[in-house]
Amino acid sequence: MLVLRLQRMGKTKRPSYRLIVSPKHKDTQSGQIEILGQYDPIQKTKVINLKKERIEYWLSVGAQMSPTVNNLLINAGIVKGDKKRSVFFSKKRTAKLNKAKADKKAKAEATATKTAEPKSAEPVEVESVAEVISEVKEIVQA
């Protein structure tokens, strides 16, 4: 079975990729049948150079796409359809993420209710300033 997938190229911490056609059971570095394009995700404007006709040919012959290549081709407008998930979480990790999301939502609701409730302010009788100052002086002198 043939697969359209990415082959990592470039320097350390500066990857660039080739879009290649290769047998599924072989490593991407062991060789390819054809190079179909390049992808550079590091540049500010992500550079994607693709051979549209050759990609359509390989797909018509029956080659499959990796999830990442599928998403790239959908973004480029070569393939139509839904994007695929390329990362899957375990049940334990999903439960932990859902719990964190619920806690965050509850905390946000709690702060929203605190700010939404008007504070009941009772009017305070203010004595004259002179009376307050004289009371303070008496307390300090004692």
N, C-alpha and C. Protein backbone atom coordinates (compact mmCIF):
# COMPACT_ATOMS: atom_id res chain seq x y z
N MET A 1 0.84 -1.16 0.00
CA MET A 1 0.00 0.00 0.00
C MET A 1 0.90 1.24 0.00
N LEU A 2 0.56 2.20 -0.83
CA LEU A 2 1.33 3.44 -0.92
C LEU A 2 0.71 4.52 -0.04
N VAL A 3 1.58 5.37 0.50
CA VAL A 3 1.13 6.41 1.41
C VAL A 3 1.78 7.73 1.03
N LEU A 4 0.99 8.81 1.06
CA LEU A 4 1.52 10.16 0.94
C LEU A 4 1.84 10.61 2.36
N ARG A 5 3.10 10.95 2.61
CA ARG A 5 3.48 11.38 3.95
C ARG A 5 4.65 12.34 3.90
N LEU A 6 4.99 12.87 5.07
CA LEU A 6 6.06 13.86 5.16
C LEU A 6 7.38 13.20 5.53
N GLN A 7 8.45 13.66 4.88
CA GLN A 7 9.81 13.21 5.19
C GLN A 7 10.54 14.41 5.78
N ARG A 8 11.07 14.25 7.00
CA ARG A 8 11.73 15.37 7.67
C ARG A 8 13.09 15.64 7.04
N MET A 9 13.32 16.91 6.78
CA MET A 9 14.60 17.36 6.24
C MET A 9 15.07 18.52 7.12
N GLY A 10 16.14 19.17 6.75
CA GLY A 10 16.56 20.37 7.44
C GLY A 10 17.53 20.11 8.57
N LYS A 11 17.82 21.17 9.30
CA LYS A 11 18.79 21.13 10.39
C LYS A 11 18.11 20.82 11.71
N THR A 12 18.91 20.69 12.75
CA THR A 12 18.39 20.49 14.09
C THR A 12 17.60 21.72 14.51
N LYS A 13 16.43 21.51 15.03
CA LYS A 13 15.51 22.56 15.47
C LYS A 13 15.11 23.52 14.35
N ARG A 14 15.29 23.12 13.13
CA ARG A 14 14.88 23.91 11.96
C ARG A 14 14.36 22.96 10.89
N PRO A 15 13.22 22.31 11.16
CA PRO A 15 12.74 21.29 10.23
C PRO A 15 12.11 21.88 8.98
N SER A 16 12.25 21.14 7.91
CA SER A 16 11.45 21.35 6.71
C SER A 16 11.09 19.95 6.23
N TYR A 17 10.05 19.84 5.48
CA TYR A 17 9.54 18.53 5.12
C TYR A 17 9.36 18.40 3.61
N ARG A 18 9.49 17.17 3.12
CA ARG A 18 9.13 16.83 1.75
C ARG A 18 7.85 16.01 1.80
N LEU A 19 6.99 16.26 0.86
CA LEU A 19 5.80 15.41 0.70
C LEU A 19 6.20 14.32 -0.29
N ILE A 20 6.15 13.07 0.16
CA ILE A 20 6.63 11.96 -0.67
C ILE A 20 5.57 10.87 -0.80
N VAL A 21 5.78 10.02 -1.78
CA VAL A 21 4.99 8.80 -1.93
C VAL A 21 5.96 7.66 -1.62
N SER A 22 5.56 6.80 -0.67
CA SER A 22 6.42 5.66 -0.33
C SER A 22 5.54 4.50 0.14
N PRO A 23 6.10 3.30 0.11
CA PRO A 23 5.35 2.17 0.66
C PRO A 23 5.14 2.35 2.16
N LYS A 24 3.99 1.93 2.64
CA LYS A 24 3.63 2.15 4.03
C LYS A 24 4.58 1.45 5.01
N HIS A 25 5.05 0.28 4.65
CA HIS A 25 5.87 -0.49 5.58
C HIS A 25 7.33 -0.03 5.63
N LYS A 26 7.74 0.89 4.75
CA LYS A 26 9.11 1.38 4.74
C LYS A 26 9.24 2.68 5.51
N ASP A 27 10.45 2.91 6.00
CA ASP A 27 10.77 4.16 6.69
C ASP A 27 10.83 5.29 5.67
N THR A 28 10.53 6.52 6.09
CA THR A 28 10.56 7.64 5.16
C THR A 28 11.97 7.94 4.66
N GLN A 29 12.98 7.58 5.44
CA GLN A 29 14.36 7.86 5.05
C GLN A 29 14.93 6.79 4.13
N SER A 30 14.23 5.70 3.95
CA SER A 30 14.77 4.60 3.15
C SER A 30 14.56 4.80 1.65
N GLY A 31 13.94 5.87 1.28
CA GLY A 31 13.72 6.13 -0.13
C GLY A 31 12.26 6.37 -0.41
N GLN A 32 11.99 6.98 -1.55
CA GLN A 32 10.63 7.29 -1.91
C GLN A 32 10.42 6.99 -3.39
N ILE A 33 9.19 6.86 -3.77
CA ILE A 33 8.87 6.64 -5.17
C ILE A 33 8.90 7.96 -5.92
N GLU A 34 8.34 9.01 -5.30
CA GLU A 34 8.31 10.32 -5.94
C GLU A 34 8.21 11.41 -4.89
N ILE A 35 8.83 12.55 -5.16
CA ILE A 35 8.72 13.73 -4.31
C ILE A 35 7.62 14.61 -4.89
N LEU A 36 6.61 14.91 -4.05
CA LEU A 36 5.44 15.65 -4.53
C LEU A 36 5.41 17.11 -4.09
N GLY A 37 6.29 17.50 -3.20
CA GLY A 37 6.29 18.90 -2.77
C GLY A 37 7.14 19.12 -1.56
N GLN A 38 7.12 20.36 -1.05
CA GLN A 38 7.88 20.74 0.13
C GLN A 38 6.98 21.52 1.07
N TYR A 39 7.32 21.46 2.35
CA TYR A 39 6.56 22.18 3.38
C TYR A 39 7.55 22.72 4.39
N ASP A 40 7.52 24.03 4.63
CA ASP A 40 8.40 24.66 5.61
C ASP A 40 7.55 25.36 6.66
N PRO A 41 7.35 24.74 7.84
CA PRO A 41 6.47 25.32 8.85
C PRO A 41 7.11 26.42 9.69
N ILE A 42 8.42 26.60 9.60
CA ILE A 42 9.12 27.53 10.47
C ILE A 42 8.97 28.98 10.01
N GLN A 43 8.93 29.22 8.73
CA GLN A 43 8.82 30.59 8.24
C GLN A 43 7.50 31.22 8.65
N LYS A 44 7.47 32.55 8.73
CA LYS A 44 6.25 33.24 9.17
C LYS A 44 5.08 32.92 8.26
N THR A 45 5.31 32.95 6.96
CA THR A 45 4.28 32.49 6.03
C THR A 45 4.67 31.07 5.64
N LYS A 46 3.98 30.12 6.19
CA LYS A 46 4.32 28.71 5.99
C LYS A 46 4.35 28.40 4.50
N VAL A 47 5.52 27.96 4.02
CA VAL A 47 5.73 27.73 2.60
C VAL A 47 5.29 26.32 2.25
N ILE A 48 4.37 26.21 1.29
CA ILE A 48 3.92 24.90 0.82
C ILE A 48 4.00 24.91 -0.70
N ASN A 49 4.90 24.10 -1.25
CA ASN A 49 5.02 23.94 -2.70
C ASN A 49 4.58 22.53 -3.03
N LEU A 50 3.49 22.39 -3.76
CA LEU A 50 2.93 21.07 -4.05
C LEU A 50 2.72 20.90 -5.55
N LYS A 51 2.88 19.65 -6.00
CA LYS A 51 2.58 19.31 -7.39
C LYS A 51 1.16 18.74 -7.41
N LYS A 52 0.21 19.62 -7.69
CA LYS A 52 -1.20 19.26 -7.57
C LYS A 52 -1.60 18.10 -8.48
N GLU A 53 -1.15 18.12 -9.72
CA GLU A 53 -1.54 17.08 -10.68
C GLU A 53 -1.04 15.70 -10.23
N ARG A 54 0.23 15.67 -9.75
CA ARG A 54 0.81 14.38 -9.32
C ARG A 54 0.13 13.87 -8.05
N ILE A 55 -0.23 14.78 -7.16
CA ILE A 55 -0.92 14.36 -5.94
C ILE A 55 -2.27 13.76 -6.30
N GLU A 56 -3.01 14.41 -7.20
CA GLU A 56 -4.30 13.88 -7.63
C GLU A 56 -4.13 12.53 -8.33
N TYR A 57 -3.04 12.37 -9.10
CA TYR A 57 -2.79 11.10 -9.76
C TYR A 57 -2.59 9.99 -8.74
N TRP A 58 -1.73 10.23 -7.75
CA TRP A 58 -1.45 9.18 -6.76
C TRP A 58 -2.69 8.85 -5.94
N LEU A 59 -3.50 9.83 -5.64
CA LEU A 59 -4.74 9.55 -4.92
C LEU A 59 -5.71 8.75 -5.78
N SER A 60 -5.73 9.02 -7.09
CA SER A 60 -6.62 8.25 -7.97
C SER A 60 -6.14 6.82 -8.13
N VAL A 61 -4.83 6.59 -8.01
CA VAL A 61 -4.28 5.24 -8.12
C VAL A 61 -4.59 4.43 -6.86
N GLY A 62 -4.87 5.11 -5.74
CA GLY A 62 -5.23 4.40 -4.52
C GLY A 62 -4.29 4.64 -3.35
N ALA A 63 -3.39 5.59 -3.48
CA ALA A 63 -2.49 5.91 -2.37
C ALA A 63 -3.28 6.57 -1.25
N GLN A 64 -2.93 6.24 -0.02
CA GLN A 64 -3.57 6.81 1.15
C GLN A 64 -2.77 8.02 1.63
N MET A 65 -3.35 8.82 2.52
CA MET A 65 -2.67 9.98 3.08
C MET A 65 -2.53 9.81 4.58
N SER A 66 -1.41 10.29 5.12
CA SER A 66 -1.29 10.33 6.58
C SER A 66 -2.22 11.44 7.07
N PRO A 67 -2.61 11.42 8.35
CA PRO A 67 -3.52 12.47 8.85
C PRO A 67 -2.96 13.88 8.68
N THR A 68 -1.66 14.06 8.91
CA THR A 68 -1.07 15.39 8.77
C THR A 68 -1.10 15.86 7.33
N VAL A 69 -0.76 14.97 6.39
CA VAL A 69 -0.80 15.32 4.97
C VAL A 69 -2.23 15.62 4.56
N ASN A 70 -3.18 14.85 5.05
CA ASN A 70 -4.59 15.10 4.74
C ASN A 70 -4.98 16.51 5.15
N ASN A 71 -4.60 16.93 6.37
CA ASN A 71 -4.94 18.27 6.85
C ASN A 71 -4.25 19.35 6.03
N LEU A 72 -2.99 19.13 5.64
CA LEU A 72 -2.28 20.10 4.80
C LEU A 72 -2.95 20.26 3.44
N LEU A 73 -3.34 19.14 2.85
CA LEU A 73 -3.96 19.20 1.52
C LEU A 73 -5.35 19.83 1.57
N ILE A 74 -6.06 19.65 2.66
CA ILE A 74 -7.35 20.31 2.82
C ILE A 74 -7.15 21.81 2.94
N ASN A 75 -6.14 22.23 3.72
CA ASN A 75 -5.85 23.66 3.85
C ASN A 75 -5.42 24.26 2.52
N ALA A 76 -4.69 23.50 1.71
CA ALA A 76 -4.22 23.99 0.41
C ALA A 76 -5.33 23.97 -0.63
N GLY A 77 -6.44 23.27 -0.37
CA GLY A 77 -7.56 23.23 -1.29
C GLY A 77 -7.45 22.15 -2.35
N ILE A 78 -6.52 21.23 -2.20
CA ILE A 78 -6.34 20.15 -3.18
C ILE A 78 -7.34 19.04 -2.92
N VAL A 79 -7.61 18.76 -1.65
CA VAL A 79 -8.53 17.69 -1.27
C VAL A 79 -9.69 18.31 -0.52
N LYS A 80 -10.86 17.79 -0.72
CA LYS A 80 -12.04 18.26 0.01
C LYS A 80 -12.42 17.20 1.04
N GLY A 81 -12.96 17.63 2.15
CA GLY A 81 -13.38 16.70 3.18
C GLY A 81 -13.09 17.26 4.55
N ASP A 82 -13.22 16.41 5.55
CA ASP A 82 -12.99 16.81 6.93
C ASP A 82 -11.54 16.55 7.31
N LYS A 83 -11.06 17.36 8.24
CA LYS A 83 -9.71 17.15 8.76
C LYS A 83 -9.72 15.93 9.67
N LYS A 84 -8.56 15.27 9.75
CA LYS A 84 -8.42 14.11 10.62
C LYS A 84 -7.61 14.50 11.84
N ARG A 85 -7.89 13.82 12.93
CA ARG A 85 -7.10 14.03 14.14
C ARG A 85 -5.80 13.27 14.01
N SER A 86 -4.70 13.96 14.24
CA SER A 86 -3.41 13.29 14.15
C SER A 86 -2.86 12.94 15.52
N VAL A 87 -3.47 13.48 16.58
CA VAL A 87 -3.04 13.19 17.94
C VAL A 87 -4.23 12.62 18.70
N PHE A 88 -4.03 11.52 19.37
CA PHE A 88 -5.10 10.88 20.13
C PHE A 88 -4.69 10.80 21.60
N PHE A 89 -5.64 11.12 22.49
CA PHE A 89 -5.39 11.08 23.93
C PHE A 89 -5.92 9.78 24.51
N SER A 90 -5.25 9.28 25.54
CA SER A 90 -5.72 8.09 26.23
C SER A 90 -6.96 8.46 27.06
N LYS A 91 -7.66 7.44 27.54
CA LYS A 91 -8.86 7.69 28.35
C LYS A 91 -8.50 8.44 29.63
N LYS A 92 -7.37 8.07 30.23
CA LYS A 92 -6.93 8.70 31.47
C LYS A 92 -6.64 10.19 31.23
N ARG A 93 -5.95 10.49 30.14
CA ARG A 93 -5.61 11.88 29.82
C ARG A 93 -6.87 12.68 29.48
N THR A 94 -7.80 12.08 28.76
CA THR A 94 -9.06 12.74 28.41
C THR A 94 -9.85 13.07 29.67
N ALA A 95 -9.90 12.14 30.62
CA ALA A 95 -10.62 12.37 31.87
C ALA A 95 -9.98 13.52 32.65
N LYS A 96 -8.66 13.57 32.67
CA LYS A 96 -7.95 14.63 33.37
C LYS A 96 -8.22 15.99 32.73
N LEU A 97 -8.21 16.05 31.41
CA LEU A 97 -8.49 17.30 30.70
C LEU A 97 -9.92 17.77 30.93
N ASN A 98 -10.87 16.83 30.91
CA ASN A 98 -12.27 17.18 31.14
C ASN A 98 -12.48 17.72 32.56
N LYS A 99 -11.79 17.11 33.54
CA LYS A 99 -11.89 17.55 34.93
C LYS A 99 -11.34 18.97 35.07
N ALA A 100 -10.20 19.22 34.44
CA ALA A 100 -9.60 20.55 34.50
C ALA A 100 -10.50 21.59 33.85
N LYS A 101 -11.12 21.21 32.74
CA LYS A 101 -12.02 22.13 32.03
C LYS A 101 -13.24 22.44 32.90
N ALA A 102 -13.78 21.41 33.58
CA ALA A 102 -14.95 21.62 34.45
C ALA A 102 -14.59 22.50 35.64
N ASP A 103 -13.41 22.28 36.23
CA ASP A 103 -12.96 23.11 37.35
C ASP A 103 -12.81 24.57 36.94
N LYS A 104 -12.25 24.79 35.77
CA LYS A 104 -12.05 26.15 35.27
C LYS A 104 -13.40 26.83 35.03
N LYS A 105 -14.36 26.08 34.50
CA LYS A 105 -15.69 26.62 34.23
C LYS A 105 -16.39 26.98 35.55
N ALA A 106 -16.27 26.10 36.55
CA ALA A 106 -16.90 26.36 37.84
C ALA A 106 -16.28 27.59 38.51
N LYS A 107 -14.99 27.73 38.39
CA LYS A 107 -14.30 28.88 38.98
C LYS A 107 -14.74 30.17 38.29
N ALA A 108 -14.89 30.13 36.98
CA ALA A 108 -15.33 31.30 36.23
C ALA A 108 -16.75 31.68 36.62
N GLU A 109 -17.63 30.69 36.81
CA GLU A 109 -19.01 30.96 37.21
C GLU A 109 -19.06 31.55 38.61
N ALA A 110 -18.18 31.05 39.50
CA ALA A 110 -18.15 31.56 40.87
C ALA A 110 -17.73 33.02 40.89
N THR A 111 -16.73 33.37 40.12
CA THR A 111 -16.29 34.76 40.09
C THR A 111 -17.34 35.64 39.41
N ALA A 112 -18.05 35.10 38.45
CA ALA A 112 -19.09 35.87 37.77
C ALA A 112 -20.24 36.17 38.72
N THR A 113 -20.61 35.20 39.56
CA THR A 113 -21.70 35.43 40.51
C THR A 113 -21.27 36.41 41.60
N LYS A 114 -20.01 36.39 41.99
CA LYS A 114 -19.54 37.33 43.00
C LYS A 114 -19.60 38.76 42.48
N THR A 115 -19.20 38.96 41.25
CA THR A 115 -19.22 40.31 40.68
C THR A 115 -20.62 40.74 40.31
N ALA A 116 -21.52 39.81 40.04
CA ALA A 116 -22.88 40.15 39.62
C ALA A 116 -23.75 40.55 40.81
N GLU A 117 -23.49 40.00 42.00
CA GLU A 117 -24.30 40.31 43.17
C GLU A 117 -23.94 41.71 43.69
N PRO A 118 -24.95 42.56 43.83
CA PRO A 118 -24.65 43.88 44.39
C PRO A 118 -24.36 43.76 45.88
N LYS A 119 -23.42 44.54 46.33
CA LYS A 119 -23.08 44.51 47.74
C LYS A 119 -24.12 45.34 48.50
N SER A 120 -24.60 44.76 49.58
CA SER A 120 -25.60 45.47 50.37
C SER A 120 -24.85 46.43 51.30
N ALA A 121 -24.89 47.66 50.96
CA ALA A 121 -24.19 48.67 51.74
C ALA A 121 -25.18 49.40 52.62
N GLU A 122 -24.94 49.35 53.92
CA GLU A 122 -25.79 50.06 54.85
C GLU A 122 -25.22 51.46 55.03
N PRO A 123 -26.08 52.43 55.08
CA PRO A 123 -25.56 53.77 55.28
C PRO A 123 -24.95 53.91 56.67
N VAL A 124 -23.80 54.51 56.69
CA VAL A 124 -23.08 54.70 57.94
C VAL A 124 -23.22 56.16 58.33
N GLU A 125 -23.59 56.36 59.59
CA GLU A 125 -23.71 57.73 60.06
C GLU A 125 -22.33 58.26 60.35
N VAL A 126 -22.05 59.36 59.75
CA VAL A 126 -20.74 59.98 59.94
C VAL A 126 -20.92 61.14 60.91
N GLU A 127 -20.16 61.08 61.99
CA GLU A 127 -20.18 62.18 62.95
C GLU A 127 -19.34 63.30 62.37
N SER A 128 -19.41 64.36 62.97
CA SER A 128 -18.61 65.47 62.49
C SER A 128 -17.14 65.12 62.68
N VAL A 129 -16.34 65.65 61.84
CA VAL A 129 -14.91 65.36 61.85
C VAL A 129 -14.30 65.80 63.17
N ALA A 130 -14.75 66.86 63.69
CA ALA A 130 -14.18 67.38 64.93
C ALA A 130 -14.44 66.41 66.08
N GLU A 131 -15.64 65.82 66.13
CA GLU A 131 -15.96 64.87 67.20
C GLU A 131 -15.09 63.62 67.11
N VAL A 132 -14.87 63.13 65.88
CA VAL A 132 -14.06 61.93 65.69
C VAL A 132 -12.62 62.21 66.11
N ILE A 133 -12.10 63.37 65.75
CA ILE A 133 -10.72 63.71 66.10
C ILE A 133 -10.57 63.83 67.61
N SER A 134 -11.54 64.41 68.26
CA SER A 134 -11.45 64.58 69.72
C SER A 134 -11.51 63.21 70.41
N GLU A 135 -12.33 62.26 69.89
CA GLU A 135 -12.39 60.93 70.48
C GLU A 135 -11.06 60.19 70.30
N VAL A 136 -10.45 60.37 69.17
CA VAL A 136 -9.16 59.71 68.91
C VAL A 136 -8.10 60.29 69.85
N LYS A 137 -8.10 61.58 70.06
CA LYS A 137 -7.12 62.19 70.94
C LYS A 137 -7.28 61.68 72.36
N GLU A 138 -8.53 61.51 72.81
CA GLU A 138 -8.78 61.02 74.16
C GLU A 138 -8.24 59.60 74.32
N ILE A 139 -8.44 58.77 73.28
CA ILE A 139 -7.98 57.39 73.34
C ILE A 139 -6.46 57.33 73.36
N VAL A 140 -5.83 58.19 72.59
CA VAL A 140 -4.37 58.20 72.51
C VAL A 140 -3.77 58.70 73.82
N GLN A 141 -4.37 59.71 74.46
CA GLN A 141 -3.83 60.25 75.69
C GLN A 141 -4.02 59.28 76.86
N ALA A 142 -4.97 58.40 76.79
CA ALA A 142 -5.23 57.49 77.91
C ALA A 142 -4.27 56.37 77.97
